[in-house]
Amino acid sequence: MKAEQISDVCTFHGEGPYWDPRRGELLLVDMMEGDVLVRHEDGSIDRHDVHPRLAGVIRGRASGGYVIGVERGFVFADESLSDLVQGPEAFDDPAVRMNDGGCDTAGRFLCGSMGWEGGFGAGTLYSLDGDHSVSTVLGGITVSNGLHFSPDGATVFFSDTPTGRIDALGYDVEAGRFTDRRTFAVVEPALGMPDGMAIDAEGGIWTALYGGGAVARFDASGRLSEHIPLPVTNVTACAFGGADLSTLFITTTQENIPAGSEPLAGALFAVTPGVAGAPLPMFRG
């Protein structure tokens, strides 16, 4: 399998790809620009400014439009991404920012933070409920990444990137709380560090390998089963999309890359891996 470039360089720090099944288009963020990008069927890309400093992750709302994790909390946007409503703040520490997240099967939006300087244990995983209340579900995180739920909602896959692990946490869907935690897969240092992830219909976890120039799949037992290289060192996230969820879209970044040394850093890539993705739940609020 080979990943193909599907855009010019369109981001400085591309992250958070999300396939919106309602519009049949890929959304992603240019994180440090505070922008959401929409890639249309013809390959053209529109850019929408949603926050003055940071946009971390976007998910669809069951009521229409989107919820976006921004620097210290949440913003709600209409389907055009032009009408923005400030949602609740999760925290007020200026040394901390949101990073990555996803929705559980009950429609909560879980979003994790990290220190702007990557300080050890500075991050927290927050849960935004349908009534827009915010609660803390996990603390002591350094770089919160991934966050995908099994189809039955009882297991959440999560990476605290510097640990080099993908963890599987038991999850009480009704209460919205974790019940236990185990190592699902260890990403060997030579492969890079686990960043954003996607889940496929067979229970496999695909992770972007930051510093490793690739995406990797770990099957339902946690065994490395696929490794797809890219011509960019810092691969940030991936998401299944397309009409049948058979395409894996991949974001990359220019972050920590010497200027001009990797001309494709910040472009979008895609691969057809031979397995479909699992549909993602939406935010119920």
C-alpha atoms as a PDB file:
ATOM      1  CA  MET A   1       0.000   0.000   0.000  1.00  0.00           C
ATOM      2  CA  LYS A   2       1.128   3.492  -0.789  1.00  0.00           C
ATOM      3  CA  ALA A   3      -0.168   6.809   0.497  1.00  0.00           C
ATOM      4  CA  GLU A   4      -0.894   9.348  -2.232  1.00  0.00           C
ATOM      5  CA  GLN A   5      -0.669  13.108  -1.889  1.00  0.00           C
ATOM      6  CA  ILE A   6      -4.152  14.622  -2.372  1.00  0.00           C
ATOM      7  CA  SER A   7      -3.499  18.325  -1.765  1.00  0.00           C
ATOM      8  CA  ASP A   8      -0.849  20.965  -2.028  1.00  0.00           C
ATOM      9  CA  VAL A   9       0.639  22.091   1.260  1.00  0.00           C
ATOM     10  CA  CYS A  10      -2.458  23.530   2.957  1.00  0.00           C
ATOM     11  CA  THR A  11      -1.550  23.626   6.660  1.00  0.00           C
ATOM     12  CA  PHE A  12       1.322  24.512   8.917  1.00  0.00           C
ATOM     13  CA  HIS A  13       0.165  22.062  11.574  1.00  0.00           C
ATOM     14  CA  GLY A  14      -2.507  19.863  10.042  1.00  0.00           C
ATOM     15  CA  GLU A  15      -4.466  17.815  12.576  1.00  0.00           C
ATOM     16  CA  GLY A  16      -7.837  16.357  13.492  1.00  0.00           C
ATOM     17  CA  PRO A  17      -9.201  15.029  10.172  1.00  0.00           C
ATOM     18  CA  TYR A  18     -12.935  14.300  10.407  1.00  0.00           C
ATOM     19  CA  TRP A  19     -15.176  12.886   7.696  1.00  0.00           C
ATOM     20  CA  ASP A  20     -18.629  14.475   7.899  1.00  0.00           C
ATOM     21  CA  PRO A  21     -21.079  11.927   6.461  1.00  0.00           C
ATOM     22  CA  ARG A  22     -23.813  14.551   6.170  1.00  0.00           C
ATOM     23  CA  ARG A  23     -21.939  16.684   3.674  1.00  0.00           C
ATOM     24  CA  GLY A  24     -19.696  13.918   2.344  1.00  0.00           C
ATOM     25  CA  GLU A  25     -16.552  15.965   2.834  1.00  0.00           C
ATOM     26  CA  LEU A  26     -13.356  15.907   4.865  1.00  0.00           C
ATOM     27  CA  LEU A  27     -12.769  18.522   7.561  1.00  0.00           C
ATOM     28  CA  LEU A  28      -9.480  19.109   9.353  1.00  0.00           C
ATOM     29  CA  VAL A  29      -7.769  21.795  11.405  1.00  0.00           C
ATOM     30  CA  ASP A  30      -4.721  23.953  10.915  1.00  0.00           C
ATOM     31  CA  MET A  31      -4.259  23.874  14.648  1.00  0.00           C
ATOM     32  CA  MET A  32      -2.081  26.852  15.525  1.00  0.00           C
ATOM     33  CA  GLU A  33      -3.870  29.070  12.991  1.00  0.00           C
ATOM     34  CA  GLY A  34      -7.218  28.419  14.673  1.00  0.00           C
ATOM     35  CA  ASP A  35      -8.688  27.373  11.326  1.00  0.00           C
ATOM     36  CA  VAL A  36     -10.974  24.595  10.125  1.00  0.00           C
ATOM     37  CA  LEU A  37     -10.423  23.473   6.520  1.00  0.00           C
ATOM     38  CA  VAL A  38     -13.021  21.784   4.321  1.00  0.00           C
ATOM     39  CA  ARG A  39     -11.824  19.642   1.431  1.00  0.00           C
ATOM     40  CA  HIS A  40     -14.464  19.423  -1.277  1.00  0.00           C
ATOM     41  CA  GLU A  41     -15.090  16.544  -3.663  1.00  0.00           C
ATOM     42  CA  ASP A  42     -13.208  18.340  -6.452  1.00  0.00           C
ATOM     43  CA  GLY A  43     -10.121  18.638  -4.225  1.00  0.00           C
ATOM     44  CA  SER A  44     -10.493  22.351  -3.548  1.00  0.00           C
ATOM     45  CA  ILE A  45     -10.110  23.504   0.052  1.00  0.00           C
ATOM     46  CA  ASP A  46     -11.911  26.270   1.941  1.00  0.00           C
ATOM     47  CA  ARG A  47     -10.520  27.763   5.136  1.00  0.00           C
ATOM     48  CA  HIS A  48     -12.612  29.053   8.059  1.00  0.00           C
ATOM     49  CA  ASP A  49     -11.192  30.998  11.007  1.00  0.00           C
ATOM     50  CA  VAL A  50     -12.884  29.708  14.177  1.00  0.00           C
ATOM     51  CA  HIS A  51     -10.540  30.868  16.951  1.00  0.00           C
ATOM     52  CA  PRO A  52      -7.799  33.508  17.265  1.00  0.00           C
ATOM     53  CA  ARG A  53      -5.211  31.076  18.601  1.00  0.00           C
ATOM     54  CA  LEU A  54      -6.052  27.369  18.329  1.00  0.00           C
ATOM     55  CA  ALA A  55      -8.482  24.842  16.870  1.00  0.00           C
ATOM     56  CA  GLY A  56      -7.753  21.310  18.046  1.00  0.00           C
ATOM     57  CA  VAL A  57     -10.529  18.954  16.995  1.00  0.00           C
ATOM     58  CA  ILE A  58     -13.956  19.111  15.327  1.00  0.00           C
ATOM     59  CA  ARG A  59     -16.971  16.807  15.452  1.00  0.00           C
ATOM     60  CA  GLY A  60     -20.493  16.969  14.068  1.00  0.00           C
ATOM     61  CA  ARG A  61     -23.465  17.908  16.266  1.00  0.00           C
ATOM     62  CA  ALA A  62     -26.606  15.795  16.073  1.00  0.00           C
ATOM     63  CA  SER A  63     -28.600  19.042  16.164  1.00  0.00           C
ATOM     64  CA  GLY A  64     -26.676  20.409  13.165  1.00  0.00           C
ATOM     65  CA  GLY A  65     -23.347  22.079  12.691  1.00  0.00           C
ATOM     66  CA  TYR A  66     -20.240  21.316  14.724  1.00  0.00           C
ATOM     67  CA  VAL A  67     -18.526  21.389  18.093  1.00  0.00           C
ATOM     68  CA  ILE A  68     -14.869  22.442  18.099  1.00  0.00           C
ATOM     69  CA  GLY A  69     -12.276  22.051  20.825  1.00  0.00           C
ATOM     70  CA  VAL A  70     -10.415  25.360  20.989  1.00  0.00           C
ATOM     71  CA  GLU A  71      -7.649  26.709  23.213  1.00  0.00           C
ATOM     72  CA  ARG A  72      -9.342  26.395  26.620  1.00  0.00           C
ATOM     73  CA  GLY A  73     -12.798  25.070  25.847  1.00  0.00           C
ATOM     74  CA  PHE A  74     -15.408  24.732  23.149  1.00  0.00           C
ATOM     75  CA  VAL A  75     -17.020  26.636  20.286  1.00  0.00           C
ATOM     76  CA  PHE A  76     -20.201  25.724  18.419  1.00  0.00           C
ATOM     77  CA  ALA A  77     -20.456  26.407  14.683  1.00  0.00           C
ATOM     78  CA  ASP A  78     -23.230  26.177  12.142  1.00  0.00           C
ATOM     79  CA  GLU A  79     -22.863  23.992   9.070  1.00  0.00           C
ATOM     80  CA  SER A  80     -21.246  26.830   7.114  1.00  0.00           C
ATOM     81  CA  LEU A  81     -18.623  27.325   9.856  1.00  0.00           C
ATOM     82  CA  SER A  82     -19.348  31.036   9.756  1.00  0.00           C
ATOM     83  CA  ASP A  83     -21.797  31.475  12.663  1.00  0.00           C
ATOM     84  CA  LEU A  84     -19.787  30.797  15.828  1.00  0.00           C
ATOM     85  CA  VAL A  85     -21.114  30.624  19.384  1.00  0.00           C
ATOM     86  CA  GLN A  86     -18.745  30.507  22.340  1.00  0.00           C
ATOM     87  CA  GLY A  87     -19.309  27.418  24.450  1.00  0.00           C
ATOM     88  CA  PRO A  88     -18.059  26.654  27.952  1.00  0.00           C
ATOM     89  CA  GLU A  89     -14.451  26.944  29.011  1.00  0.00           C
ATOM     90  CA  ALA A  90     -12.963  23.778  30.494  1.00  0.00           C
ATOM     91  CA  PHE A  91     -10.071  25.506  32.280  1.00  0.00           C
ATOM     92  CA  ASP A  92      -8.403  28.914  32.627  1.00  0.00           C
ATOM     93  CA  ASP A  93      -4.715  28.019  32.859  1.00  0.00           C
ATOM     94  CA  PRO A  94      -2.869  30.017  30.139  1.00  0.00           C
ATOM     95  CA  ALA A  95      -0.051  27.452  30.114  1.00  0.00           C
ATOM     96  CA  VAL A  96      -2.394  24.690  28.902  1.00  0.00           C
ATOM     97  CA  ARG A  97      -4.255  24.132  25.633  1.00  0.00           C
ATOM     98  CA  MET A  98      -6.662  21.637  24.125  1.00  0.00           C
ATOM     99  CA  ASN A  99      -5.313  19.046  21.713  1.00  0.00           C
ATOM    100  CA  ASP A 100      -7.362  16.052  20.522  1.00  0.00           C
ATOM    101  CA  GLY A 101     -10.657  14.349  21.244  1.00  0.00           C
ATOM    102  CA  GLY A 102     -13.747  12.487  20.068  1.00  0.00           C
ATOM    103  CA  CYS A 103     -17.322  11.540  20.959  1.00  0.00           C
ATOM    104  CA  ASP A 104     -18.529   8.576  22.977  1.00  0.00           C
ATOM    105  CA  THR A 105     -21.513   6.485  21.884  1.00  0.00           C
ATOM    106  CA  ALA A 106     -23.823   8.465  24.196  1.00  0.00           C
ATOM    107  CA  GLY A 107     -22.868  11.671  22.397  1.00  0.00           C
ATOM    108  CA  ARG A 108     -20.510  13.272  24.893  1.00  0.00           C
ATOM    109  CA  PHE A 109     -17.494  15.113  23.472  1.00  0.00           C
ATOM    110  CA  LEU A 110     -14.278  14.127  25.246  1.00  0.00           C
ATOM    111  CA  CYS A 111     -11.358  16.458  24.627  1.00  0.00           C
ATOM    112  CA  GLY A 112      -7.872  16.293  26.113  1.00  0.00           C
ATOM    113  CA  SER A 113      -5.384  19.026  26.909  1.00  0.00           C
ATOM    114  CA  MET A 114      -1.614  19.438  27.171  1.00  0.00           C
ATOM    115  CA  GLY A 115       0.852  22.092  28.257  1.00  0.00           C
ATOM    116  CA  TRP A 116       1.803  24.627  25.596  1.00  0.00           C
ATOM    117  CA  GLU A 117       5.387  23.626  26.340  1.00  0.00           C
ATOM    118  CA  GLY A 118       4.524  19.938  26.722  1.00  0.00           C
ATOM    119  CA  GLY A 119       5.049  19.863  30.488  1.00  0.00           C
ATOM    120  CA  PHE A 120       4.857  16.398  32.081  1.00  0.00           C
ATOM    121  CA  GLY A 121       1.394  15.621  33.441  1.00  0.00           C
ATOM    122  CA  ALA A 122      -0.026  19.081  32.664  1.00  0.00           C
ATOM    123  CA  GLY A 123      -2.939  17.771  30.625  1.00  0.00           C
ATOM    124  CA  THR A 124      -6.439  16.618  31.511  1.00  0.00           C
ATOM    125  CA  LEU A 125      -9.203  14.808  29.654  1.00  0.00           C
ATOM    126  CA  TYR A 126     -12.516  16.667  29.829  1.00  0.00           C
ATOM    127  CA  SER A 127     -16.051  15.601  28.939  1.00  0.00           C
ATOM    128  CA  LEU A 128     -18.574  18.016  27.427  1.00  0.00           C
ATOM    129  CA  ASP A 129     -22.091  16.686  27.995  1.00  0.00           C
ATOM    130  CA  GLY A 130     -25.223  17.395  25.984  1.00  0.00           C
ATOM    131  CA  ASP A 131     -26.318  20.069  28.484  1.00  0.00           C
ATOM    132  CA  HIS A 132     -22.931  21.787  27.929  1.00  0.00           C
ATOM    133  CA  SER A 133     -21.658  20.946  31.396  1.00  0.00           C
ATOM    134  CA  VAL A 134     -17.960  20.067  31.583  1.00  0.00           C
ATOM    135  CA  SER A 135     -16.435  17.430  33.852  1.00  0.00           C
ATOM    136  CA  THR A 136     -12.962  15.959  34.342  1.00  0.00           C
ATOM    137  CA  VAL A 137     -12.545  12.277  33.507  1.00  0.00           C
ATOM    138  CA  LEU A 138      -8.761  11.724  33.537  1.00  0.00           C
ATOM    139  CA  GLY A 139      -5.781  13.730  34.790  1.00  0.00           C
ATOM    140  CA  GLY A 140      -1.996  13.639  34.715  1.00  0.00           C
ATOM    141  CA  ILE A 141      -1.730  13.515  30.907  1.00  0.00           C
ATOM    142  CA  THR A 142       1.268  14.951  29.060  1.00  0.00           C
ATOM    143  CA  VAL A 143       0.093  14.981  25.397  1.00  0.00           C
ATOM    144  CA  SER A 144      -3.493  13.819  24.946  1.00  0.00           C
ATOM    145  CA  ASN A 145      -4.037  12.142  21.568  1.00  0.00           C
ATOM    146  CA  GLY A 146      -6.254   9.691  19.746  1.00  0.00           C
ATOM    147  CA  LEU A 147      -9.480   8.910  21.600  1.00  0.00           C
ATOM    148  CA  HIS A 148     -11.703   6.522  19.703  1.00  0.00           C
ATOM    149  CA  PHE A 149     -14.419   4.287  21.081  1.00  0.00           C
ATOM    150  CA  SER A 150     -15.221   0.694  20.234  1.00  0.00           C
ATOM    151  CA  PRO A 151     -18.596   0.278  18.468  1.00  0.00           C
ATOM    152  CA  ASP A 152     -20.296  -0.802  21.701  1.00  0.00           C
ATOM    153  CA  GLY A 153     -18.790   2.174  23.507  1.00  0.00           C
ATOM    154  CA  ALA A 154     -17.319   0.049  26.306  1.00  0.00           C
ATOM    155  CA  THR A 155     -13.659   0.582  25.375  1.00  0.00           C
ATOM    156  CA  VAL A 156     -11.846   3.787  24.534  1.00  0.00           C
ATOM    157  CA  PHE A 157      -8.455   3.834  22.797  1.00  0.00           C
ATOM    158  CA  PHE A 158      -6.181   6.663  23.875  1.00  0.00           C
ATOM    159  CA  SER A 159      -2.547   7.734  23.572  1.00  0.00           C
ATOM    160  CA  ASP A 160      -0.523   9.873  25.938  1.00  0.00           C
ATOM    161  CA  THR A 161       2.031  10.350  23.176  1.00  0.00           C
ATOM    162  CA  PRO A 162       5.329  10.457  25.146  1.00  0.00           C
ATOM    163  CA  THR A 163       4.543   7.092  26.774  1.00  0.00           C
ATOM    164  CA  GLY A 164       4.840   5.383  23.368  1.00  0.00           C
ATOM    165  CA  ARG A 165       1.684   3.393  24.085  1.00  0.00           C
ATOM    166  CA  ILE A 166      -1.877   3.089  22.898  1.00  0.00           C
ATOM    167  CA  ASP A 167      -4.001   2.326  25.952  1.00  0.00           C
ATOM    168  CA  ALA A 168      -7.421   0.684  26.121  1.00  0.00           C
ATOM    169  CA  LEU A 169      -9.635   1.990  28.905  1.00  0.00           C
ATOM    170  CA  GLY A 170     -12.849   0.401  30.058  1.00  0.00           C
ATOM    171  CA  TYR A 171     -15.723   2.881  29.852  1.00  0.00           C
ATOM    172  CA  ASP A 172     -19.096   3.068  31.573  1.00  0.00           C
ATOM    173  CA  VAL A 173     -21.205   4.657  28.821  1.00  0.00           C
ATOM    174  CA  GLU A 174     -24.119   5.498  31.089  1.00  0.00           C
ATOM    175  CA  ALA A 175     -21.966   7.256  33.673  1.00  0.00           C
ATOM    176  CA  GLY A 176     -19.408   8.619  31.227  1.00  0.00           C
ATOM    177  CA  ARG A 177     -16.497   7.403  33.336  1.00  0.00           C
ATOM    178  CA  PHE A 178     -13.481   5.125  32.880  1.00  0.00           C
ATOM    179  CA  THR A 179     -13.411   1.846  34.747  1.00  0.00           C
ATOM    180  CA  ASP A 180      -9.931   0.414  34.114  1.00  0.00           C
ATOM    181  CA  ARG A 181      -6.846   0.877  31.947  1.00  0.00           C
ATOM    182  CA  ARG A 182      -4.476  -1.466  30.157  1.00  0.00           C
ATOM    183  CA  THR A 183      -1.829  -1.283  27.451  1.00  0.00           C
ATOM    184  CA  PHE A 184      -3.348  -2.130  24.073  1.00  0.00           C
ATOM    185  CA  ALA A 185      -0.185  -1.715  21.986  1.00  0.00           C
ATOM    186  CA  VAL A 186       3.373  -0.509  22.434  1.00  0.00           C
ATOM    187  CA  VAL A 187       4.782   1.636  19.633  1.00  0.00           C
ATOM    188  CA  GLU A 188       8.478   0.893  19.413  1.00  0.00           C
ATOM    189  CA  PRO A 189      10.585   4.102  19.545  1.00  0.00           C
ATOM    190  CA  ALA A 190      12.115   3.325  16.143  1.00  0.00           C
ATOM    191  CA  LEU A 191       8.631   3.685  14.602  1.00  0.00           C
ATOM    192  CA  GLY A 192       7.967   7.144  16.009  1.00  0.00           C
ATOM    193  CA  MET A 193       5.427   8.366  18.565  1.00  0.00           C
ATOM    194  CA  PRO A 194       1.685   7.594  18.503  1.00  0.00           C
ATOM    195  CA  ASP A 195      -0.343  10.657  17.565  1.00  0.00           C
ATOM    196  CA  GLY A 196      -3.908  10.947  16.230  1.00  0.00           C
ATOM    197  CA  MET A 197      -5.747   7.731  15.443  1.00  0.00           C
ATOM    198  CA  ALA A 198      -8.639   6.069  13.636  1.00  0.00           C
ATOM    199  CA  ILE A 199     -10.562   2.847  14.254  1.00  0.00           C
ATOM    200  CA  ASP A 200     -11.616   0.410  11.545  1.00  0.00           C
ATOM    201  CA  ALA A 201     -14.581  -1.948  11.261  1.00  0.00           C
ATOM    202  CA  GLU A 202     -12.465  -4.928  12.372  1.00  0.00           C
ATOM    203  CA  GLY A 203     -11.393  -3.270  15.609  1.00  0.00           C
ATOM    204  CA  GLY A 204      -7.967  -2.294  14.277  1.00  0.00           C
ATOM    205  CA  ILE A 205      -6.403   0.938  15.476  1.00  0.00           C
ATOM    206  CA  TRP A 206      -4.550   3.122  12.974  1.00  0.00           C
ATOM    207  CA  THR A 207      -2.152   5.652  14.450  1.00  0.00           C
ATOM    208  CA  ALA A 208      -0.157   8.452  12.891  1.00  0.00           C
ATOM    209  CA  LEU A 209       3.533   8.133  13.757  1.00  0.00           C
ATOM    210  CA  TYR A 210       4.936  11.544  14.637  1.00  0.00           C
ATOM    211  CA  GLY A 211       8.640  11.541  13.923  1.00  0.00           C
ATOM    212  CA  GLY A 212       8.279   8.205  12.153  1.00  0.00           C
ATOM    213  CA  GLY A 213       7.007   9.280   8.739  1.00  0.00           C
ATOM    214  CA  ALA A 214       4.213   6.718   8.574  1.00  0.00           C
ATOM    215  CA  VAL A 215       0.862   5.435   9.759  1.00  0.00           C
ATOM    216  CA  ALA A 216       0.593   2.039  11.418  1.00  0.00           C
ATOM    217  CA  ARG A 217      -2.240  -0.375  12.132  1.00  0.00           C
ATOM    218  CA  PHE A 218      -2.494  -2.504  15.239  1.00  0.00           C
ATOM    219  CA  ASP A 219      -5.068  -5.266  14.926  1.00  0.00           C
ATOM    220  CA  ALA A 220      -7.723  -6.009  17.544  1.00  0.00           C
ATOM    221  CA  SER A 221      -5.178  -7.983  19.570  1.00  0.00           C
ATOM    222  CA  GLY A 222      -2.686  -5.085  19.581  1.00  0.00           C
ATOM    223  CA  ARG A 223      -0.318  -6.656  17.049  1.00  0.00           C
ATOM    224  CA  LEU A 224       1.341  -4.439  14.440  1.00  0.00           C
ATOM    225  CA  SER A 225      -0.238  -5.494  11.137  1.00  0.00           C
ATOM    226  CA  GLU A 226       0.381  -2.607   8.697  1.00  0.00           C
ATOM    227  CA  HIS A 227       3.003   0.104   8.270  1.00  0.00           C
ATOM    228  CA  ILE A 228       2.522   2.668   5.494  1.00  0.00           C
ATOM    229  CA  PRO A 229       5.341   5.194   4.962  1.00  0.00           C
ATOM    230  CA  LEU A 230       4.836   8.816   3.921  1.00  0.00           C
ATOM    231  CA  PRO A 231       7.322  11.314   2.459  1.00  0.00           C
ATOM    232  CA  VAL A 232       6.955  13.523   5.558  1.00  0.00           C
ATOM    233  CA  THR A 233       8.573  12.949   8.948  1.00  0.00           C
ATOM    234  CA  ASN A 234       5.884  14.319  11.246  1.00  0.00           C
ATOM    235  CA  VAL A 235       2.588  12.582  10.538  1.00  0.00           C
ATOM    236  CA  THR A 236      -0.116  13.843  12.889  1.00  0.00           C
ATOM    237  CA  ALA A 237      -3.485  12.118  12.494  1.00  0.00           C
ATOM    238  CA  CYS A 238      -5.708   9.955  10.310  1.00  0.00           C
ATOM    239  CA  ALA A 239      -9.416   9.386   9.713  1.00  0.00           C
ATOM    240  CA  PHE A 240     -11.540   7.106   7.576  1.00  0.00           C
ATOM    241  CA  GLY A 241     -13.803   8.729   5.022  1.00  0.00           C
ATOM    242  CA  GLY A 242     -15.382   8.513   1.618  1.00  0.00           C
ATOM    243  CA  ALA A 243     -18.870   7.236   0.850  1.00  0.00           C
ATOM    244  CA  ASP A 244     -18.059   3.753   2.169  1.00  0.00           C
ATOM    245  CA  LEU A 245     -15.403   4.823   4.711  1.00  0.00           C
ATOM    246  CA  SER A 246     -12.789   2.944   2.690  1.00  0.00           C
ATOM    247  CA  THR A 247     -10.256   5.792   2.410  1.00  0.00           C
ATOM    248  CA  LEU A 248      -7.835   6.680   5.177  1.00  0.00           C
ATOM    249  CA  PHE A 249      -7.064  10.402   5.125  1.00  0.00           C
ATOM    250  CA  ILE A 250      -3.797  11.504   6.731  1.00  0.00           C
ATOM    251  CA  THR A 251      -2.647  14.917   8.002  1.00  0.00           C
ATOM    252  CA  THR A 252       0.939  16.132   8.340  1.00  0.00           C
ATOM    253  CA  THR A 253       2.759  19.106   9.804  1.00  0.00           C
ATOM    254  CA  GLN A 254       5.636  21.487   9.193  1.00  0.00           C
ATOM    255  CA  GLU A 255       6.139  21.698  12.964  1.00  0.00           C
ATOM    256  CA  ASN A 256       9.713  20.900  14.039  1.00  0.00           C
ATOM    257  CA  ILE A 257      10.824  20.553  10.406  1.00  0.00           C
ATOM    258  CA  PRO A 258      13.685  22.803   9.166  1.00  0.00           C
ATOM    259  CA  ALA A 259      12.296  25.336   6.679  1.00  0.00           C
ATOM    260  CA  GLY A 260      12.376  24.011   3.122  1.00  0.00           C
ATOM    261  CA  SER A 261      13.715  20.569   4.034  1.00  0.00           C
ATOM    262  CA  GLU A 262      10.440  18.680   3.472  1.00  0.00           C
ATOM    263  CA  PRO A 263       8.427  20.359   0.715  1.00  0.00           C
ATOM    264  CA  LEU A 264       5.369  18.134   1.255  1.00  0.00           C
ATOM    265  CA  ALA A 265       5.065  18.713   5.005  1.00  0.00           C
ATOM    266  CA  GLY A 266       1.619  20.172   5.669  1.00  0.00           C
ATOM    267  CA  ALA A 267      -0.053  18.416   2.737  1.00  0.00           C
ATOM    268  CA  LEU A 268      -2.884  15.886   2.918  1.00  0.00           C
ATOM    269  CA  PHE A 269      -2.423  12.239   1.971  1.00  0.00           C
ATOM    270  CA  ALA A 270      -4.767   9.285   1.499  1.00  0.00           C
ATOM    271  CA  VAL A 271      -4.581   5.522   1.157  1.00  0.00           C
ATOM    272  CA  THR A 272      -7.106   2.741   0.518  1.00  0.00           C
ATOM    273  CA  PRO A 273      -6.079   0.150   3.120  1.00  0.00           C
ATOM    274  CA  GLY A 274      -8.503  -2.635   2.246  1.00  0.00           C
ATOM    275  CA  VAL A 275     -10.580  -2.314   5.409  1.00  0.00           C
ATOM    276  CA  ALA A 276     -13.364   0.177   6.083  1.00  0.00           C
ATOM    277  CA  GLY A 277     -13.534   2.559   8.965  1.00  0.00           C
ATOM    278  CA  ALA A 278     -16.066   2.419  11.788  1.00  0.00           C
ATOM    279  CA  PRO A 279     -18.707   5.191  11.793  1.00  0.00           C
ATOM    280  CA  LEU A 280     -18.106   7.879  14.429  1.00  0.00           C
ATOM    281  CA  PRO A 281     -20.760   9.111  16.879  1.00  0.00           C
ATOM    282  CA  MET A 282     -21.752  12.773  16.924  1.00  0.00           C
ATOM    283  CA  PHE A 283     -22.081  15.233  19.799  1.00  0.00           C
ATOM    284  CA  ARG A 284     -25.621  15.184  21.151  1.00  0.00           C
ATOM    285  CA  GLY A 285     -25.673  18.759  22.454  1.00  0.00           C
END
